[in-house]
Amino acid sequence: MFNCPTRKAVYAETYQEACDINEKKTGKRISKQAWNITPKIREADKIAQKLNLRESHPEVFFKELDSESVENSKNSEEGFQDRREVLEKFGDTSPINDFSRKSASKDDIIDAMVLALGTKLELESIPMTPARDSKNLKMQILKPT
């Protein structure tokens, strides 16, 4: 898990520039992992400014659905199985086996599957401060109720 870069850092042209911007704003540099997904974050940010894009985190969903499911790392076999058991309560998990490991890792697939449950579950927003960002977008992370 890693912190999301600030919006200005996401739009930086280089990793070094993004680190400097983020550190100035938050006191923390960004990880290479965060930098590597900035093109997707930019894409989501642009969509969010046009549509009602909502945000959550797979670990938040898993913890709310079964607090014990996040006791082990999702990268461990035990952690993966714990999370898969949570998903099996909602339906078939065999699609996890349908993906090539080159296109997506199994922990990324299981994360996407739990977030997809957000279309079927009742959700509530975790209170955020500030309530709105610099683009006046509502700051929220959703979780199952």
N, C-alpha and C. Protein backbone atom coordinates (compact mmCIF):
# COMPACT_ATOMS: atom_id res chain seq x y z
N MET A 1 0.85 -1.17 0.00
CA MET A 1 0.00 0.00 0.00
C MET A 1 0.89 1.23 0.00
N PHE A 2 0.43 2.28 -0.64
CA PHE A 2 1.20 3.52 -0.70
C PHE A 2 0.23 4.69 -0.74
N ASN A 3 0.74 5.84 -0.38
CA ASN A 3 -0.08 7.05 -0.40
C ASN A 3 -0.22 7.56 -1.82
N CYS A 4 -1.39 8.08 -2.11
CA CYS A 4 -1.63 8.68 -3.42
C CYS A 4 -0.89 10.02 -3.49
N PRO A 5 -0.23 10.28 -4.58
CA PRO A 5 0.44 11.58 -4.74
C PRO A 5 -0.58 12.72 -4.77
N THR A 6 -0.14 13.91 -4.43
CA THR A 6 -1.01 15.08 -4.56
C THR A 6 -1.32 15.30 -6.04
N ARG A 7 -2.39 16.03 -6.31
CA ARG A 7 -2.78 16.27 -7.70
C ARG A 7 -1.65 16.93 -8.48
N LYS A 8 -0.97 17.93 -7.89
CA LYS A 8 0.12 18.59 -8.62
C LYS A 8 1.24 17.59 -8.91
N ALA A 9 1.53 16.69 -7.98
CA ALA A 9 2.58 15.69 -8.21
C ALA A 9 2.17 14.73 -9.34
N VAL A 10 0.92 14.40 -9.40
CA VAL A 10 0.42 13.49 -10.45
C VAL A 10 0.64 14.09 -11.84
N TYR A 11 0.56 15.40 -11.94
CA TYR A 11 0.72 16.06 -13.24
C TYR A 11 2.16 16.50 -13.51
N ALA A 12 3.09 16.15 -12.65
CA ALA A 12 4.50 16.48 -12.87
C ALA A 12 5.02 15.72 -14.09
N GLU A 13 6.05 16.26 -14.70
CA GLU A 13 6.61 15.64 -15.90
C GLU A 13 7.64 14.56 -15.60
N THR A 14 8.28 14.64 -14.44
CA THR A 14 9.30 13.64 -14.11
C THR A 14 9.06 13.13 -12.69
N TYR A 15 9.64 11.98 -12.42
CA TYR A 15 9.55 11.40 -11.08
C TYR A 15 10.16 12.34 -10.04
N GLN A 16 11.32 12.88 -10.33
CA GLN A 16 11.99 13.79 -9.39
C GLN A 16 11.12 15.01 -9.09
N GLU A 17 10.55 15.58 -10.14
CA GLU A 17 9.67 16.75 -9.96
C GLU A 17 8.46 16.38 -9.10
N ALA A 18 7.88 15.21 -9.37
CA ALA A 18 6.72 14.75 -8.59
C ALA A 18 7.10 14.58 -7.11
N CYS A 19 8.27 14.00 -6.87
CA CYS A 19 8.74 13.82 -5.49
C CYS A 19 8.90 15.17 -4.78
N ASP A 20 9.51 16.12 -5.48
CA ASP A 20 9.73 17.44 -4.89
C ASP A 20 8.41 18.15 -4.58
N ILE A 21 7.48 18.10 -5.51
CA ILE A 21 6.17 18.73 -5.33
C ILE A 21 5.45 18.09 -4.15
N ASN A 22 5.43 16.76 -4.13
CA ASN A 22 4.70 16.06 -3.08
C ASN A 22 5.32 16.31 -1.70
N GLU A 23 6.65 16.30 -1.67
CA GLU A 23 7.35 16.51 -0.39
C GLU A 23 7.08 17.91 0.15
N LYS A 24 7.05 18.88 -0.73
CA LYS A 24 6.78 20.26 -0.31
C LYS A 24 5.37 20.38 0.29
N LYS A 25 4.41 19.68 -0.30
CA LYS A 25 3.02 19.76 0.14
C LYS A 25 2.72 18.89 1.36
N THR A 26 3.31 17.68 1.40
CA THR A 26 2.94 16.71 2.43
C THR A 26 4.07 16.31 3.38
N GLY A 27 5.30 16.66 3.00
CA GLY A 27 6.44 16.22 3.80
C GLY A 27 6.92 14.83 3.42
N LYS A 28 6.28 14.22 2.41
CA LYS A 28 6.64 12.87 1.98
C LYS A 28 6.86 12.83 0.47
N ARG A 29 7.90 12.12 0.07
CA ARG A 29 8.13 11.89 -1.35
C ARG A 29 7.18 10.78 -1.80
N ILE A 30 7.05 10.58 -3.10
CA ILE A 30 6.19 9.50 -3.57
C ILE A 30 7.04 8.28 -3.93
N SER A 31 6.41 7.15 -3.89
CA SER A 31 7.11 5.90 -4.22
C SER A 31 7.17 5.73 -5.73
N LYS A 32 8.09 4.89 -6.17
CA LYS A 32 8.16 4.54 -7.60
C LYS A 32 6.86 3.86 -8.03
N GLN A 33 6.30 3.06 -7.12
CA GLN A 33 5.04 2.37 -7.40
C GLN A 33 3.94 3.40 -7.70
N ALA A 34 3.87 4.46 -6.89
CA ALA A 34 2.87 5.50 -7.12
C ALA A 34 3.15 6.23 -8.44
N TRP A 35 4.41 6.54 -8.69
CA TRP A 35 4.76 7.24 -9.92
C TRP A 35 4.38 6.41 -11.15
N ASN A 36 4.58 5.11 -11.07
CA ASN A 36 4.29 4.25 -12.23
C ASN A 36 2.82 4.19 -12.60
N ILE A 37 1.95 4.53 -11.67
CA ILE A 37 0.52 4.51 -12.00
C ILE A 37 -0.05 5.92 -12.20
N THR A 38 0.82 6.94 -12.19
CA THR A 38 0.29 8.30 -12.38
C THR A 38 -0.46 8.49 -13.70
N PRO A 39 -0.10 7.83 -14.80
CA PRO A 39 -0.93 8.01 -16.00
C PRO A 39 -2.38 7.57 -15.76
N LYS A 40 -2.58 6.51 -15.02
CA LYS A 40 -3.94 6.05 -14.72
C LYS A 40 -4.63 6.98 -13.72
N ILE A 41 -3.86 7.52 -12.77
CA ILE A 41 -4.43 8.48 -11.82
C ILE A 41 -4.88 9.74 -12.57
N ARG A 42 -4.06 10.22 -13.51
CA ARG A 42 -4.43 11.39 -14.31
C ARG A 42 -5.73 11.12 -15.07
N GLU A 43 -5.79 9.94 -15.67
CA GLU A 43 -6.98 9.56 -16.43
C GLU A 43 -8.22 9.56 -15.53
N ALA A 44 -8.09 8.96 -14.35
CA ALA A 44 -9.21 8.93 -13.41
C ALA A 44 -9.57 10.33 -12.93
N ASP A 45 -8.57 11.17 -12.70
CA ASP A 45 -8.82 12.54 -12.25
C ASP A 45 -9.61 13.32 -13.30
N LYS A 46 -9.26 13.15 -14.55
CA LYS A 46 -9.98 13.86 -15.62
C LYS A 46 -11.42 13.36 -15.72
N ILE A 47 -11.61 12.07 -15.57
CA ILE A 47 -12.97 11.51 -15.60
C ILE A 47 -13.76 11.99 -14.38
N ALA A 48 -13.11 12.01 -13.22
CA ALA A 48 -13.78 12.44 -11.98
C ALA A 48 -14.29 13.87 -12.09
N GLN A 49 -13.58 14.69 -12.81
CA GLN A 49 -14.00 16.07 -12.96
C GLN A 49 -15.22 16.21 -13.86
N LYS A 50 -15.54 15.16 -14.62
CA LYS A 50 -16.70 15.19 -15.52
C LYS A 50 -17.86 14.35 -14.99
N LEU A 51 -17.54 13.26 -14.31
CA LEU A 51 -18.55 12.32 -13.86
C LEU A 51 -18.54 12.17 -12.35
N ASN A 52 -19.46 11.41 -11.84
CA ASN A 52 -19.52 11.15 -10.40
C ASN A 52 -18.67 9.92 -10.07
N LEU A 53 -17.37 10.04 -10.27
CA LEU A 53 -16.45 8.95 -9.96
C LEU A 53 -16.31 8.85 -8.46
N ARG A 54 -16.40 7.64 -7.95
CA ARG A 54 -16.29 7.42 -6.51
C ARG A 54 -15.07 6.58 -6.23
N GLU A 55 -14.53 6.71 -5.05
CA GLU A 55 -13.27 6.06 -4.72
C GLU A 55 -13.41 5.17 -3.50
N SER A 56 -12.64 4.10 -3.52
CA SER A 56 -12.52 3.26 -2.33
C SER A 56 -11.17 2.56 -2.39
N HIS A 57 -11.00 1.62 -1.50
CA HIS A 57 -9.76 0.86 -1.45
C HIS A 57 -10.12 -0.59 -1.14
N PRO A 58 -9.51 -1.54 -1.85
CA PRO A 58 -9.85 -2.95 -1.62
C PRO A 58 -9.71 -3.39 -0.17
N GLU A 59 -8.65 -2.94 0.51
CA GLU A 59 -8.45 -3.37 1.90
C GLU A 59 -9.56 -2.84 2.80
N VAL A 60 -10.10 -1.66 2.50
CA VAL A 60 -11.22 -1.12 3.27
C VAL A 60 -12.44 -2.03 3.08
N PHE A 61 -12.72 -2.43 1.84
CA PHE A 61 -13.84 -3.33 1.58
C PHE A 61 -13.65 -4.66 2.29
N PHE A 62 -12.48 -5.27 2.12
CA PHE A 62 -12.27 -6.57 2.76
C PHE A 62 -12.42 -6.47 4.27
N LYS A 63 -11.86 -5.43 4.87
CA LYS A 63 -11.92 -5.28 6.33
C LYS A 63 -13.36 -5.11 6.79
N GLU A 64 -14.15 -4.34 6.06
CA GLU A 64 -15.55 -4.13 6.44
C GLU A 64 -16.38 -5.41 6.25
N LEU A 65 -16.07 -6.19 5.24
CA LEU A 65 -16.83 -7.41 4.97
C LEU A 65 -16.43 -8.55 5.92
N ASP A 66 -15.17 -8.57 6.33
CA ASP A 66 -14.68 -9.59 7.27
C ASP A 66 -13.34 -9.09 7.82
N SER A 67 -13.37 -8.59 9.05
CA SER A 67 -12.18 -7.94 9.61
C SER A 67 -10.96 -8.87 9.65
N GLU A 68 -11.18 -10.17 9.76
CA GLU A 68 -10.06 -11.11 9.81
C GLU A 68 -9.42 -11.34 8.44
N SER A 69 -10.10 -10.95 7.38
CA SER A 69 -9.59 -11.22 6.03
C SER A 69 -8.35 -10.41 5.69
N VAL A 70 -8.05 -9.38 6.45
CA VAL A 70 -6.89 -8.53 6.15
C VAL A 70 -5.74 -8.72 7.15
N GLU A 71 -5.83 -9.76 7.96
CA GLU A 71 -4.77 -10.00 8.94
C GLU A 71 -3.47 -10.43 8.29
N ASN A 72 -3.56 -11.12 7.16
CA ASN A 72 -2.37 -11.57 6.44
C ASN A 72 -2.20 -10.76 5.16
N SER A 73 -0.98 -10.59 4.73
CA SER A 73 -0.69 -9.83 3.51
C SER A 73 -1.42 -10.43 2.32
N LYS A 74 -1.95 -9.57 1.48
CA LYS A 74 -2.64 -10.06 0.29
C LYS A 74 -1.69 -10.78 -0.66
N ASN A 75 -0.39 -10.54 -0.50
CA ASN A 75 0.60 -11.20 -1.34
C ASN A 75 1.00 -12.58 -0.84
N SER A 76 0.55 -12.93 0.36
CA SER A 76 0.81 -14.29 0.87
C SER A 76 -0.32 -15.21 0.42
N GLU A 77 -0.04 -16.47 0.33
CA GLU A 77 -1.07 -17.43 -0.08
C GLU A 77 -2.22 -17.43 0.92
N GLU A 78 -1.90 -17.36 2.22
CA GLU A 78 -2.94 -17.35 3.25
C GLU A 78 -3.82 -16.09 3.13
N GLY A 79 -3.19 -14.92 2.92
CA GLY A 79 -3.94 -13.68 2.76
C GLY A 79 -4.82 -13.70 1.53
N PHE A 80 -4.28 -14.25 0.44
CA PHE A 80 -5.06 -14.37 -0.79
C PHE A 80 -6.28 -15.26 -0.56
N GLN A 81 -6.08 -16.40 0.09
CA GLN A 81 -7.19 -17.32 0.34
C GLN A 81 -8.23 -16.70 1.28
N ASP A 82 -7.76 -15.95 2.29
CA ASP A 82 -8.70 -15.27 3.20
C ASP A 82 -9.61 -14.33 2.42
N ARG A 83 -9.02 -13.58 1.50
CA ARG A 83 -9.80 -12.63 0.71
C ARG A 83 -10.71 -13.35 -0.29
N ARG A 84 -10.22 -14.42 -0.86
CA ARG A 84 -11.03 -15.19 -1.80
C ARG A 84 -12.27 -15.76 -1.10
N GLU A 85 -12.09 -16.22 0.14
CA GLU A 85 -13.23 -16.75 0.90
C GLU A 85 -14.30 -15.68 1.12
N VAL A 86 -13.88 -14.45 1.34
CA VAL A 86 -14.85 -13.35 1.48
C VAL A 86 -15.63 -13.21 0.18
N LEU A 87 -14.93 -13.21 -0.94
CA LEU A 87 -15.59 -13.04 -2.24
C LEU A 87 -16.52 -14.20 -2.57
N GLU A 88 -16.17 -15.40 -2.14
CA GLU A 88 -17.00 -16.57 -2.44
C GLU A 88 -18.38 -16.46 -1.79
N LYS A 89 -18.52 -15.66 -0.75
CA LYS A 89 -19.84 -15.44 -0.14
C LYS A 89 -20.77 -14.68 -1.09
N PHE A 90 -20.18 -14.02 -2.09
CA PHE A 90 -20.96 -13.20 -3.02
C PHE A 90 -21.08 -13.81 -4.40
N GLY A 91 -20.38 -14.92 -4.65
CA GLY A 91 -20.49 -15.54 -5.96
C GLY A 91 -19.22 -16.26 -6.39
N ASP A 92 -19.21 -16.59 -7.65
CA ASP A 92 -18.14 -17.37 -8.27
C ASP A 92 -16.83 -16.58 -8.33
N THR A 93 -15.75 -17.21 -7.87
CA THR A 93 -14.44 -16.55 -7.94
C THR A 93 -13.54 -17.20 -8.99
N SER A 94 -14.08 -18.10 -9.79
CA SER A 94 -13.24 -18.77 -10.79
C SER A 94 -12.64 -17.82 -11.83
N PRO A 95 -13.24 -16.64 -12.12
CA PRO A 95 -12.59 -15.73 -13.08
C PRO A 95 -11.16 -15.35 -12.68
N ILE A 96 -10.82 -15.48 -11.43
CA ILE A 96 -9.45 -15.19 -10.99
C ILE A 96 -8.47 -16.04 -11.79
N ASN A 97 -8.88 -17.25 -12.11
CA ASN A 97 -8.01 -18.19 -12.83
C ASN A 97 -7.96 -17.93 -14.33
N ASP A 98 -8.85 -17.05 -14.83
CA ASP A 98 -8.95 -16.81 -16.27
C ASP A 98 -7.94 -15.82 -16.81
N PHE A 99 -7.25 -15.12 -15.93
CA PHE A 99 -6.33 -14.08 -16.37
C PHE A 99 -4.92 -14.61 -16.48
N SER A 100 -4.24 -14.16 -17.49
CA SER A 100 -2.82 -14.45 -17.65
C SER A 100 -2.08 -13.67 -16.58
N ARG A 101 -1.11 -14.26 -15.96
CA ARG A 101 -0.32 -13.57 -14.94
C ARG A 101 0.47 -12.40 -15.52
N LYS A 102 0.61 -12.39 -16.84
CA LYS A 102 1.30 -11.27 -17.48
C LYS A 102 0.39 -10.05 -17.57
N SER A 103 -0.94 -10.27 -17.64
CA SER A 103 -1.86 -9.13 -17.78
C SER A 103 -2.27 -8.55 -16.43
N ALA A 104 -2.33 -9.37 -15.41
CA ALA A 104 -2.71 -8.89 -14.08
C ALA A 104 -2.32 -9.93 -13.04
N SER A 105 -1.88 -9.45 -11.90
CA SER A 105 -1.53 -10.38 -10.81
C SER A 105 -2.81 -10.82 -10.12
N LYS A 106 -2.76 -11.97 -9.47
CA LYS A 106 -3.98 -12.48 -8.85
C LYS A 106 -4.45 -11.57 -7.71
N ASP A 107 -3.53 -10.89 -7.02
CA ASP A 107 -3.99 -9.99 -5.96
C ASP A 107 -4.65 -8.74 -6.56
N ASP A 108 -4.21 -8.29 -7.72
CA ASP A 108 -4.88 -7.17 -8.39
C ASP A 108 -6.27 -7.58 -8.86
N ILE A 109 -6.40 -8.80 -9.32
CA ILE A 109 -7.70 -9.30 -9.78
C ILE A 109 -8.68 -9.38 -8.61
N ILE A 110 -8.21 -9.92 -7.50
CA ILE A 110 -9.10 -10.06 -6.34
C ILE A 110 -9.47 -8.68 -5.79
N ASP A 111 -8.54 -7.73 -5.86
CA ASP A 111 -8.86 -6.35 -5.45
C ASP A 111 -9.96 -5.76 -6.33
N ALA A 112 -9.84 -5.95 -7.63
CA ALA A 112 -10.85 -5.44 -8.57
C ALA A 112 -12.20 -6.10 -8.31
N MET A 113 -12.18 -7.39 -8.01
CA MET A 113 -13.44 -8.10 -7.76
C MET A 113 -14.15 -7.57 -6.52
N VAL A 114 -13.41 -7.31 -5.45
CA VAL A 114 -14.07 -6.81 -4.24
C VAL A 114 -14.62 -5.41 -4.47
N LEU A 115 -13.90 -4.58 -5.20
CA LEU A 115 -14.41 -3.24 -5.48
C LEU A 115 -15.63 -3.28 -6.38
N ALA A 116 -15.69 -4.26 -7.28
CA ALA A 116 -16.86 -4.41 -8.14
C ALA A 116 -18.12 -4.70 -7.32
N LEU A 117 -17.95 -5.26 -6.12
CA LEU A 117 -19.11 -5.48 -5.25
C LEU A 117 -19.77 -4.17 -4.85
N GLY A 118 -19.04 -3.08 -4.98
CA GLY A 118 -19.60 -1.78 -4.64
C GLY A 118 -20.84 -1.43 -5.45
N THR A 119 -21.02 -2.07 -6.59
CA THR A 119 -22.22 -1.82 -7.38
C THR A 119 -23.43 -2.56 -6.82
N LYS A 120 -23.18 -3.53 -5.92
CA LYS A 120 -24.27 -4.34 -5.37
C LYS A 120 -24.51 -4.11 -3.89
N LEU A 121 -23.54 -3.53 -3.20
CA LEU A 121 -23.64 -3.35 -1.76
C LEU A 121 -24.06 -1.94 -1.40
N GLU A 122 -24.65 -1.80 -0.24
CA GLU A 122 -24.92 -0.48 0.31
C GLU A 122 -23.60 0.10 0.80
N LEU A 123 -23.34 1.34 0.44
CA LEU A 123 -22.05 1.96 0.78
C LEU A 123 -22.26 3.23 1.58
N GLU A 124 -21.26 3.56 2.38
CA GLU A 124 -21.25 4.84 3.07
C GLU A 124 -19.87 5.46 2.94
N SER A 125 -19.82 6.75 3.11
CA SER A 125 -18.57 7.48 2.94
C SER A 125 -17.84 7.62 4.28
N ILE A 126 -16.54 7.38 4.25
CA ILE A 126 -15.71 7.65 5.42
C ILE A 126 -15.50 9.16 5.45
N PRO A 127 -15.77 9.82 6.58
CA PRO A 127 -15.61 11.28 6.63
C PRO A 127 -14.17 11.71 6.27
N MET A 128 -14.05 12.70 5.43
CA MET A 128 -12.75 13.20 4.98
C MET A 128 -12.61 14.68 5.30
N THR A 129 -11.39 15.08 5.54
CA THR A 129 -11.08 16.49 5.75
C THR A 129 -9.93 16.85 4.82
N PRO A 130 -10.12 17.81 3.96
CA PRO A 130 -11.33 18.61 3.75
C PRO A 130 -12.40 17.81 3.02
N ALA A 131 -13.62 18.30 3.06
CA ALA A 131 -14.73 17.60 2.41
C ALA A 131 -14.68 17.71 0.89
N ARG A 132 -14.03 18.76 0.39
CA ARG A 132 -13.90 18.96 -1.06
C ARG A 132 -12.47 19.32 -1.39
N ASP A 133 -12.04 18.95 -2.60
CA ASP A 133 -10.66 19.26 -3.00
C ASP A 133 -10.60 20.57 -3.77
N SER A 134 -9.43 20.89 -4.30
CA SER A 134 -9.22 22.16 -5.00
C SER A 134 -10.05 22.28 -6.28
N LYS A 135 -10.53 21.18 -6.81
CA LYS A 135 -11.40 21.19 -8.00
C LYS A 135 -12.87 21.09 -7.60
N ASN A 136 -13.14 21.22 -6.29
CA ASN A 136 -14.48 21.12 -5.71
C ASN A 136 -15.08 19.73 -5.82
N LEU A 137 -14.23 18.73 -6.00
CA LEU A 137 -14.73 17.36 -6.02
C LEU A 137 -14.89 16.88 -4.58
N LYS A 138 -15.96 16.14 -4.34
CA LYS A 138 -16.22 15.61 -3.01
C LYS A 138 -15.14 14.59 -2.65
N MET A 139 -14.50 14.78 -1.52
CA MET A 139 -13.48 13.86 -1.03
C MET A 139 -14.19 12.75 -0.25
N GLN A 140 -14.06 11.54 -0.74
CA GLN A 140 -14.71 10.42 -0.07
C GLN A 140 -14.02 9.11 -0.41
N ILE A 141 -14.02 8.25 0.55
CA ILE A 141 -13.63 6.86 0.34
C ILE A 141 -14.81 6.04 0.83
N LEU A 142 -15.34 5.22 -0.05
CA LEU A 142 -16.54 4.47 0.28
C LEU A 142 -16.21 3.12 0.90
N LYS A 143 -17.11 2.67 1.76
CA LYS A 143 -16.98 1.35 2.37
C LYS A 143 -18.35 0.71 2.47
N PRO A 144 -18.38 -0.62 2.49
CA PRO A 144 -19.68 -1.28 2.69
C PRO A 144 -20.23 -1.00 4.07
N THR A 145 -21.56 -0.92 4.18
CA THR A 145 -22.18 -0.69 5.50
C THR A 145 -22.52 -2.00 6.17
